[in-house]
PDB file of N, CA and C in Angstrom:
ATOM      1  N   MET A   1      40.080 237.047  75.132  1.00  0.00           N
ATOM      2  CA  MET A   1      39.504 237.399  73.839  1.00  0.00           C
ATOM      3  C   MET A   1      40.096 238.739  73.411  1.00  0.00           C
ATOM      4  N   ALA A   2      40.632 238.788  72.219  1.00  0.00           N
ATOM      5  CA  ALA A   2      41.223 240.018  71.710  1.00  0.00           C
ATOM      6  C   ALA A   2      40.144 241.069  71.458  1.00  0.00           C
ATOM      7  N   GLN A   3      40.564 242.329  71.479  1.00  0.00           N
ATOM      8  CA  GLN A   3      39.599 243.422  71.337  1.00  0.00           C
ATOM      9  C   GLN A   3      38.792 243.302  70.044  1.00  0.00           C
ATOM     10  N   ASP A   4      39.435 242.942  68.934  1.00  0.00           N
ATOM     11  CA  ASP A   4      38.703 242.801  67.661  1.00  0.00           C
ATOM     12  C   ASP A   4      37.593 241.768  67.779  1.00  0.00           C
ATOM     13  N   ASN A   5      37.883 240.658  68.443  1.00  0.00           N
ATOM     14  CA  ASN A   5      36.867 239.624  68.636  1.00  0.00           C
ATOM     15  C   ASN A   5      35.748 240.113  69.540  1.00  0.00           C
ATOM     16  N   LYS A   6      36.098 240.879  70.552  1.00  0.00           N
ATOM     17  CA  LYS A   6      35.077 241.425  71.447  1.00  0.00           C
ATOM     18  C   LYS A   6      34.162 242.389  70.706  1.00  0.00           C
ATOM     19  N   ILE A   7      34.750 243.223  69.864  1.00  0.00           N
ATOM     20  CA  ILE A   7      33.957 244.167  69.074  1.00  0.00           C
ATOM     21  C   ILE A   7      33.025 243.409  68.146  1.00  0.00           C
ATOM     22  N   ARG A   8      33.560 242.415  67.466  1.00  0.00           N
ATOM     23  CA  ARG A   8      32.758 241.613  66.542  1.00  0.00           C
ATOM     24  C   ARG A   8      31.610 240.927  67.292  1.00  0.00           C
ATOM     25  N   THR A   9      31.904 240.366  68.450  1.00  0.00           N
ATOM     26  CA  THR A   9      30.875 239.703  69.246  1.00  0.00           C
ATOM     27  C   THR A   9      29.818 240.693  69.708  1.00  0.00           C
ATOM     28  N   ALA A  10      30.236 241.875  70.149  1.00  0.00           N
ATOM     29  CA  ALA A  10      29.284 242.903  70.590  1.00  0.00           C
ATOM     30  C   ALA A  10      28.387 243.341  69.440  1.00  0.00           C
ATOM     31  N   LEU A  11      28.950 243.516  68.257  1.00  0.00           N
ATOM     32  CA  LEU A  11      28.144 243.897  67.089  1.00  0.00           C
ATOM     33  C   LEU A  11      27.137 242.805  66.738  1.00  0.00           C
ATOM     34  N   GLU A  12      27.558 241.556  66.851  1.00  0.00           N
ATOM     35  CA  GLU A  12      26.639 240.442  66.609  1.00  0.00           C
ATOM     36  C   GLU A  12      25.524 240.429  67.649  1.00  0.00           C
ATOM     37  N   MET A  13      25.862 240.738  68.889  1.00  0.00           N
ATOM     38  CA  MET A  13      24.851 240.783  69.941  1.00  0.00           C
ATOM     39  C   MET A  13      23.814 241.870  69.653  1.00  0.00           C
ATOM     40  N   ILE A  14      24.277 243.020  69.189  1.00  0.00           N
ATOM     41  CA  ILE A  14      23.356 244.107  68.842  1.00  0.00           C
ATOM     42  C   ILE A  14      22.444 243.657  67.698  1.00  0.00           C
ATOM     43  N   GLU A  15      23.031 243.041  66.698  1.00  0.00           N
ATOM     44  CA  GLU A  15      22.271 242.616  65.522  1.00  0.00           C
ATOM     45  C   GLU A  15      21.240 241.541  65.870  1.00  0.00           C
ATOM     46  N   ASN A  16      21.592 240.634  66.760  1.00  0.00           N
ATOM     47  CA  ASN A  16      20.733 239.489  67.058  1.00  0.00           C
ATOM     48  C   ASN A  16      19.824 239.690  68.264  1.00  0.00           C
ATOM     49  N   TYR A  17      19.906 240.818  68.922  1.00  0.00           N
ATOM     50  CA  TYR A  17      19.102 241.079  70.114  1.00  0.00           C
ATOM     51  C   TYR A  17      17.618 241.175  69.752  1.00  0.00           C
ATOM     52  N   ASP A  18      16.759 240.736  70.657  1.00  0.00           N
ATOM     53  CA  ASP A  18      15.310 240.780  70.449  1.00  0.00           C
ATOM     54  C   ASP A  18      14.788 242.157  70.848  1.00  0.00           C
ATOM     55  N   TRP A  19      14.853 243.102  69.922  1.00  0.00           N
ATOM     56  CA  TRP A  19      14.472 244.480  70.209  1.00  0.00           C
ATOM     57  C   TRP A  19      12.976 244.650  70.416  1.00  0.00           C
ATOM     58  N   PHE A  20      12.198 243.678  70.021  1.00  0.00           N
ATOM     59  CA  PHE A  20      10.750 243.794  70.138  1.00  0.00           C
ATOM     60  C   PHE A  20      10.201 242.946  71.282  1.00  0.00           C
ATOM     61  N   TRP A  21      11.038 242.672  72.268  1.00  0.00           N
ATOM     62  CA  TRP A  21      10.634 241.857  73.412  1.00  0.00           C
ATOM     63  C   TRP A  21       9.470 242.479  74.167  1.00  0.00           C
ATOM     64  N   SER A  22       9.343 243.798  74.164  1.00  0.00           N
ATOM     65  CA  SER A  22       8.305 244.457  74.952  1.00  0.00           C
ATOM     66  C   SER A  22       6.902 244.142  74.447  1.00  0.00           C
ATOM     67  N   MET A  23       6.809 243.622  73.254  1.00  0.00           N
ATOM     68  CA  MET A  23       5.502 243.292  72.701  1.00  0.00           C
ATOM     69  C   MET A  23       5.196 241.802  72.872  1.00  0.00           C
ATOM     70  N   ALA A  24       5.935 241.115  73.718  1.00  0.00           N
ATOM     71  CA  ALA A  24       5.780 239.664  73.841  1.00  0.00           C
ATOM     72  C   ALA A  24       5.547 239.257  75.289  1.00  0.00           C
ATOM     73  N   ASP A  25       5.739 237.997  75.535  1.00  0.00           N
ATOM     74  CA  ASP A  25       5.485 237.435  76.864  1.00  0.00           C
ATOM     75  C   ASP A  25       6.687 237.578  77.799  1.00  0.00           C
ATOM     76  N   GLU A  26       6.515 237.092  79.009  1.00  0.00           N
ATOM     77  CA  GLU A  26       7.549 237.262  80.030  1.00  0.00           C
ATOM     78  C   GLU A  26       8.839 236.522  79.702  1.00  0.00           C
ATOM     79  N   TRP A  27       8.749 235.384  79.029  1.00  0.00           N
ATOM     80  CA  TRP A  27       9.957 234.645  78.685  1.00  0.00           C
ATOM     81  C   TRP A  27      10.880 235.508  77.825  1.00  0.00           C
ATOM     82  N   ARG A  28      10.322 236.212  76.845  1.00  0.00           N
ATOM     83  CA  ARG A  28      11.154 237.057  75.992  1.00  0.00           C
ATOM     84  C   ARG A  28      11.718 238.235  76.773  1.00  0.00           C
ATOM     85  N   TYR A  29      10.963 238.730  77.734  1.00  0.00           N
ATOM     86  CA  TYR A  29      11.452 239.819  78.588  1.00  0.00           C
ATOM     87  C   TYR A  29      12.677 239.360  79.371  1.00  0.00           C
ATOM     88  N   ASP A  30      12.578 238.196  80.003  1.00  0.00           N
ATOM     89  CA  ASP A  30      13.701 237.663  80.780  1.00  0.00           C
ATOM     90  C   ASP A  30      14.904 237.398  79.890  1.00  0.00           C
ATOM     91  N   SER A  31      14.652 236.863  78.717  1.00  0.00           N
ATOM     92  CA  SER A  31      15.731 236.590  77.775  1.00  0.00           C
ATOM     93  C   SER A  31      16.397 237.887  77.313  1.00  0.00           C
ATOM     94  N   ALA A  32      15.592 238.909  77.043  1.00  0.00           N
ATOM     95  CA  ALA A  32      16.134 240.206  76.605  1.00  0.00           C
ATOM     96  C   ALA A  32      16.969 240.842  77.701  1.00  0.00           C
ATOM     97  N   LYS A  33      16.493 240.763  78.928  1.00  0.00           N
ATOM     98  CA  LYS A  33      17.246 241.317  80.054  1.00  0.00           C
ATOM     99  C   LYS A  33      18.600 240.622  80.206  1.00  0.00           C
ATOM    100  N   ALA A  34      18.591 239.307  80.084  1.00  0.00           N
ATOM    101  CA  ALA A  34      19.835 238.542  80.187  1.00  0.00           C
ATOM    102  C   ALA A  34      20.785 238.913  79.044  1.00  0.00           C
ATOM    103  N   GLY A  35      20.244 239.087  77.840  1.00  0.00           N
ATOM    104  CA  GLY A  35      21.068 239.481  76.695  1.00  0.00           C
ATOM    105  C   GLY A  35      21.691 240.845  76.895  1.00  0.00           C
ATOM    106  N   MET A  36      20.927 241.760  77.456  1.00  0.00           N
ATOM    107  CA  MET A  36      21.456 243.095  77.719  1.00  0.00           C
ATOM    108  C   MET A  36      22.586 243.028  78.747  1.00  0.00           C
ATOM    109  N   ARG A  37      22.409 242.225  79.769  1.00  0.00           N
ATOM    110  CA  ARG A  37      23.458 242.075  80.790  1.00  0.00           C
ATOM    111  C   ARG A  37      24.734 241.493  80.194  1.00  0.00           C
ATOM    112  N   ARG A  38      24.588 240.503  79.295  1.00  0.00           N
ATOM    113  CA  ARG A  38      25.770 239.915  78.640  1.00  0.00           C
ATOM    114  C   ARG A  38      26.491 240.966  77.798  1.00  0.00           C
ATOM    115  N   PHE A  39      25.727 241.793  77.091  1.00  0.00           N
ATOM    116  CA  PHE A  39      26.313 242.848  76.275  1.00  0.00           C
ATOM    117  C   PHE A  39      27.094 243.823  77.152  1.00  0.00           C
ATOM    118  N   VAL A  40      26.491 244.282  78.231  1.00  0.00           N
ATOM    119  CA  VAL A  40      27.149 245.226  79.144  1.00  0.00           C
ATOM    120  C   VAL A  40      28.423 244.607  79.715  1.00  0.00           C
ATOM    121  N   ALA A  41      28.344 243.360  80.136  1.00  0.00           N
ATOM    122  CA  ALA A  41      29.520 242.692  80.701  1.00  0.00           C
ATOM    123  C   ALA A  41      30.642 242.595  79.674  1.00  0.00           C
ATOM    124  N   LEU A  42      30.303 242.262  78.440  1.00  0.00           N
ATOM    125  CA  LEU A  42      31.316 242.164  77.386  1.00  0.00           C
ATOM    126  C   LEU A  42      31.938 243.522  77.096  1.00  0.00           C
ATOM    127  N   VAL A  43      31.120 244.536  76.933  1.00  0.00           N
ATOM    128  CA  VAL A  43      31.632 245.870  76.607  1.00  0.00           C
ATOM    129  C   VAL A  43      32.524 246.390  77.735  1.00  0.00           C
ATOM    130  N   ASN A  44      32.181 246.088  78.961  1.00  0.00           N
ATOM    131  CA  ASN A  44      32.995 246.545  80.092  1.00  0.00           C
ATOM    132  C   ASN A  44      34.385 245.916  80.130  1.00  0.00           C
ATOM    133  N   THR A  45      34.595 244.834  79.396  1.00  0.00           N
ATOM    134  CA  THR A  45      35.926 244.204  79.356  1.00  0.00           C
ATOM    135  C   THR A  45      36.835 244.841  78.308  1.00  0.00           C
ATOM    136  N   ILE A  46      36.299 245.729  77.493  1.00  0.00           N
ATOM    137  CA  ILE A  46      37.091 246.384  76.442  1.00  0.00           C
ATOM    138  C   ILE A  46      37.835 247.566  77.058  1.00  0.00           C
ATOM    139  N   GLU A  47      39.121 247.633  76.829  1.00  0.00           N
ATOM    140  CA  GLU A  47      39.960 248.651  77.469  1.00  0.00           C
ATOM    141  C   GLU A  47      39.797 250.043  76.867  1.00  0.00           C
ATOM    142  N   ASP A  48      39.572 250.127  75.572  1.00  0.00           N
ATOM    143  CA  ASP A  48      39.507 251.409  74.879  1.00  0.00           C
ATOM    144  C   ASP A  48      38.167 252.100  75.164  1.00  0.00           C
ATOM    145  N   GLU A  49      38.228 253.244  75.836  1.00  0.00           N
ATOM    146  CA  GLU A  49      37.015 253.965  76.228  1.00  0.00           C
ATOM    147  C   GLU A  49      36.197 254.422  75.023  1.00  0.00           C
ATOM    148  N   ASP A  50      36.861 254.867  73.958  1.00  0.00           N
ATOM    149  CA  ASP A  50      36.148 255.316  72.762  1.00  0.00           C
ATOM    150  C   ASP A  50      35.364 254.166  72.128  1.00  0.00           C
ATOM    151  N   VAL A  51      35.955 252.991  72.121  1.00  0.00           N
ATOM    152  CA  VAL A  51      35.280 251.812  71.574  1.00  0.00           C
ATOM    153  C   VAL A  51      34.081 251.453  72.436  1.00  0.00           C
ATOM    154  N   ARG A  52      34.255 251.491  73.752  1.00  0.00           N
ATOM    155  CA  ARG A  52      33.119 251.210  74.657  1.00  0.00           C
ATOM    156  C   ARG A  52      31.975 252.187  74.405  1.00  0.00           C
ATOM    157  N   LYS A  53      32.306 253.475  74.285  1.00  0.00           N
ATOM    158  CA  LYS A  53      31.273 254.493  74.038  1.00  0.00           C
ATOM    159  C   LYS A  53      30.587 254.253  72.693  1.00  0.00           C
ATOM    160  N   ALA A  54      31.350 253.891  71.682  1.00  0.00           N
ATOM    161  CA  ALA A  54      30.769 253.643  70.355  1.00  0.00           C
ATOM    162  C   ALA A  54      29.820 252.447  70.394  1.00  0.00           C
ATOM    163  N   LEU A  55      30.213 251.383  71.072  1.00  0.00           N
ATOM    164  CA  LEU A  55      29.345 250.205  71.162  1.00  0.00           C
ATOM    165  C   LEU A  55      28.074 250.514  71.949  1.00  0.00           C
ATOM    166  N   ARG A  56      28.216 251.248  73.027  1.00  0.00           N
ATOM    167  CA  ARG A  56      27.031 251.644  73.795  1.00  0.00           C
ATOM    168  C   ARG A  56      26.138 252.560  72.962  1.00  0.00           C
ATOM    169  N   GLY A  57      26.769 253.430  72.187  1.00  0.00           N
ATOM    170  CA  GLY A  57      26.004 254.312  71.311  1.00  0.00           C
ATOM    171  C   GLY A  57      25.244 253.531  70.254  1.00  0.00           C
ATOM    172  N   LEU A  58      25.879 252.514  69.679  1.00  0.00           N
ATOM    173  CA  LEU A  58      25.205 251.677  68.693  1.00  0.00           C
ATOM    174  C   LEU A  58      24.034 250.924  69.320  1.00  0.00           C
ATOM    175  N   TRP A  59      24.214 250.456  70.550  1.00  0.00           N
ATOM    176  CA  TRP A  59      23.125 249.773  71.259  1.00  0.00           C
ATOM    177  C   TRP A  59      21.935 250.738  71.424  1.00  0.00           C
ATOM    178  N   SER A  60      22.216 251.933  71.894  1.00  0.00           N
ATOM    179  CA  SER A  60      21.159 252.927  72.112  1.00  0.00           C
ATOM    180  C   SER A  60      20.490 253.323  70.798  1.00  0.00           C
ATOM    181  N   LEU A  61      21.292 253.445  69.765  1.00  0.00           N
ATOM    182  CA  LEU A  61      20.769 253.797  68.454  1.00  0.00           C
ATOM    183  C   LEU A  61      19.818 252.717  67.944  1.00  0.00           C
ATOM    184  N   ARG A  62      20.204 251.476  68.110  1.00  0.00           N
ATOM    185  CA  ARG A  62      19.351 250.357  67.679  1.00  0.00           C
ATOM    186  C   ARG A  62      18.052 250.330  68.485  1.00  0.00           C
ATOM    187  N   TYR A  63      18.146 250.657  69.761  1.00  0.00           N
ATOM    188  CA  TYR A  63      16.951 250.744  70.599  1.00  0.00           C
ATOM    189  C   TYR A  63      16.009 251.832  70.072  1.00  0.00           C
ATOM    190  N   GLU A  64      16.568 252.988  69.728  1.00  0.00           N
ATOM    191  CA  GLU A  64      15.765 254.085  69.181  1.00  0.00           C
ATOM    192  C   GLU A  64      15.100 253.681  67.869  1.00  0.00           C
ATOM    193  N   GLU A  65      15.832 252.952  67.029  1.00  0.00           N
ATOM    194  CA  GLU A  65      15.259 252.484  65.771  1.00  0.00           C
ATOM    195  C   GLU A  65      14.077 251.552  66.020  1.00  0.00           C
ATOM    196  N   ALA A  66      14.245 250.604  66.933  1.00  0.00           N
ATOM    197  CA  ALA A  66      13.169 249.666  67.253  1.00  0.00           C
ATOM    198  C   ALA A  66      11.978 250.394  67.850  1.00  0.00           C
ATOM    199  N   SER A  67      12.235 251.335  68.733  1.00  0.00           N
ATOM    200  CA  SER A  67      11.150 252.112  69.344  1.00  0.00           C
ATOM    201  C   SER A  67      10.384 252.905  68.300  1.00  0.00           C
ATOM    202  N   SER A  68      11.096 253.452  67.346  1.00  0.00           N
ATOM    203  CA  SER A  68      10.427 254.239  66.305  1.00  0.00           C
ATOM    204  C   SER A  68       9.527 253.350  65.452  1.00  0.00           C
ATOM    205  N   VAL A  69       9.950 252.126  65.197  1.00  0.00           N
ATOM    206  CA  VAL A  69       9.121 251.194  64.434  1.00  0.00           C
ATOM    207  C   VAL A  69       7.854 250.867  65.221  1.00  0.00           C
ATOM    208  N   ILE A  70       8.019 250.595  66.497  1.00  0.00           N
ATOM    209  CA  ILE A  70       6.871 250.274  67.354  1.00  0.00           C
ATOM    210  C   ILE A  70       5.891 251.438  67.387  1.00  0.00           C
ATOM    211  N   ASN A  71       6.402 252.658  67.423  1.00  0.00           N
ATOM    212  CA  ASN A  71       5.553 253.844  67.522  1.00  0.00           C
ATOM    213  C   ASN A  71       5.131 254.405  66.163  1.00  0.00           C
ATOM    214  N   GLY A  72       5.480 253.711  65.087  1.00  0.00           N
ATOM    215  CA  GLY A  72       5.045 254.119  63.759  1.00  0.00           C
ATOM    216  C   GLY A  72       5.780 255.314  63.185  1.00  0.00           C
ATOM    217  N   ARG A  73       6.966 255.584  63.703  1.00  0.00           N
ATOM    218  CA  ARG A  73       7.776 256.685  63.171  1.00  0.00           C
ATOM    219  C   ARG A  73       8.903 256.113  62.326  1.00  0.00           C
ATOM    220  N   ASN A  74       9.464 256.950  61.506  1.00  0.00           N
ATOM    221  CA  ASN A  74      10.596 256.534  60.694  1.00  0.00           C
ATOM    222  C   ASN A  74      11.738 257.510  60.942  1.00  0.00           C
ATOM    223  N   ILE A  75      12.832 257.015  61.499  1.00  0.00           N
ATOM    224  CA  ILE A  75      13.977 257.886  61.767  1.00  0.00           C
ATOM    225  C   ILE A  75      15.179 257.399  60.965  1.00  0.00           C
ATOM    226  N   ASP A  76      16.025 258.341  60.603  1.00  0.00           N
ATOM    227  CA  ASP A  76      17.244 258.009  59.867  1.00  0.00           C
ATOM    228  C   ASP A  76      18.427 258.145  60.823  1.00  0.00           C
ATOM    229  N   THR A  77      19.051 257.025  61.127  1.00  0.00           N
ATOM    230  CA  THR A  77      20.172 257.019  62.058  1.00  0.00           C
ATOM    231  C   THR A  77      21.486 256.686  61.362  1.00  0.00           C
ATOM    232  N   SER A  78      21.482 256.716  60.048  1.00  0.00           N
ATOM    233  CA  SER A  78      22.665 256.279  59.308  1.00  0.00           C
ATOM    234  C   SER A  78      23.890 257.145  59.584  1.00  0.00           C
ATOM    235  N   ALA A  79      23.733 258.446  59.728  1.00  0.00           N
ATOM    236  CA  ALA A  79      24.892 259.312  59.984  1.00  0.00           C
ATOM    237  C   ALA A  79      25.513 258.987  61.342  1.00  0.00           C
ATOM    238  N   GLN A  80      24.674 258.833  62.358  1.00  0.00           N
ATOM    239  CA  GLN A  80      25.197 258.500  63.685  1.00  0.00           C
ATOM    240  C   GLN A  80      25.855 257.119  63.672  1.00  0.00           C
ATOM    241  N   ARG A  81      25.190 256.166  63.010  1.00  0.00           N
ATOM    242  CA  ARG A  81      25.732 254.805  62.930  1.00  0.00           C
ATOM    243  C   ARG A  81      27.109 254.826  62.265  1.00  0.00           C
ATOM    244  N   ASN A  82      27.238 255.591  61.190  1.00  0.00           N
ATOM    245  CA  ASN A  82      28.523 255.676  60.494  1.00  0.00           C
ATOM    246  C   ASN A  82      29.611 256.269  61.383  1.00  0.00           C
ATOM    247  N   GLU A  83      29.265 257.267  62.191  1.00  0.00           N
ATOM    248  CA  GLU A  83      30.242 257.858  63.120  1.00  0.00           C
ATOM    249  C   GLU A  83      30.751 256.812  64.119  1.00  0.00           C
ATOM    250  N   TYR A  84      29.841 256.031  64.656  1.00  0.00           N
ATOM    251  CA  TYR A  84      30.235 254.977  65.604  1.00  0.00           C
ATOM    252  C   TYR A  84      31.090 253.915  64.924  1.00  0.00           C
ATOM    253  N   MET A  85      30.741 253.554  63.709  1.00  0.00           N
ATOM    254  CA  MET A  85      31.487 252.521  63.009  1.00  0.00           C
ATOM    255  C   MET A  85      32.905 252.984  62.652  1.00  0.00           C
ATOM    256  N   VAL A  86      33.072 254.272  62.395  1.00  0.00           N
ATOM    257  CA  VAL A  86      34.419 254.813  62.139  1.00  0.00           C
ATOM    258  C   VAL A  86      35.290 254.637  63.381  1.00  0.00           C
ATOM    259  N   VAL A  87      34.735 254.889  64.542  1.00  0.00           N
ATOM    260  CA  VAL A  87      35.492 254.704  65.786  1.00  0.00           C
ATOM    261  C   VAL A  87      35.890 253.243  65.937  1.00  0.00           C
ATOM    262  N   LEU A  88      34.985 252.338  65.648  1.00  0.00           N
ATOM    263  CA  LEU A  88      35.284 250.913  65.800  1.00  0.00           C
ATOM    264  C   LEU A  88      36.297 250.420  64.780  1.00  0.00           C
ATOM    265  N   ALA A  89      36.324 251.030  63.619  1.00  0.00           N
ATOM    266  CA  ALA A  89      37.250 250.606  62.568  1.00  0.00           C
ATOM    267  C   ALA A  89      38.668 251.116  62.810  1.00  0.00           C
ATOM    268  N   ALA A  90      38.822 252.115  63.652  1.00  0.00           N
ATOM    269  CA  ALA A  90      40.141 252.724  63.881  1.00  0.00           C
ATOM    270  C   ALA A  90      41.075 251.809  64.622  1.00  0.00           C
TER     271      ALA A  90
END
């Protein structure tokens, strides 16, 4: 799989991940854990270290966004997200 396809797949995984699994039953927990493992395995196959860091950063950022929703906070992560996306677009 070419790097562009891997990046696209990783971004889709971030977008489609069940970020609210912690508020559900065990099946969703197991599914979320498996999804996270697939994401890590995919990102580890990407040769460019900056791209790997950007994808991991986007994953963490999305986690923070979901956590803030659960905790009733509102955070703006657009600047950080844009920085990561610039790295991926390069």
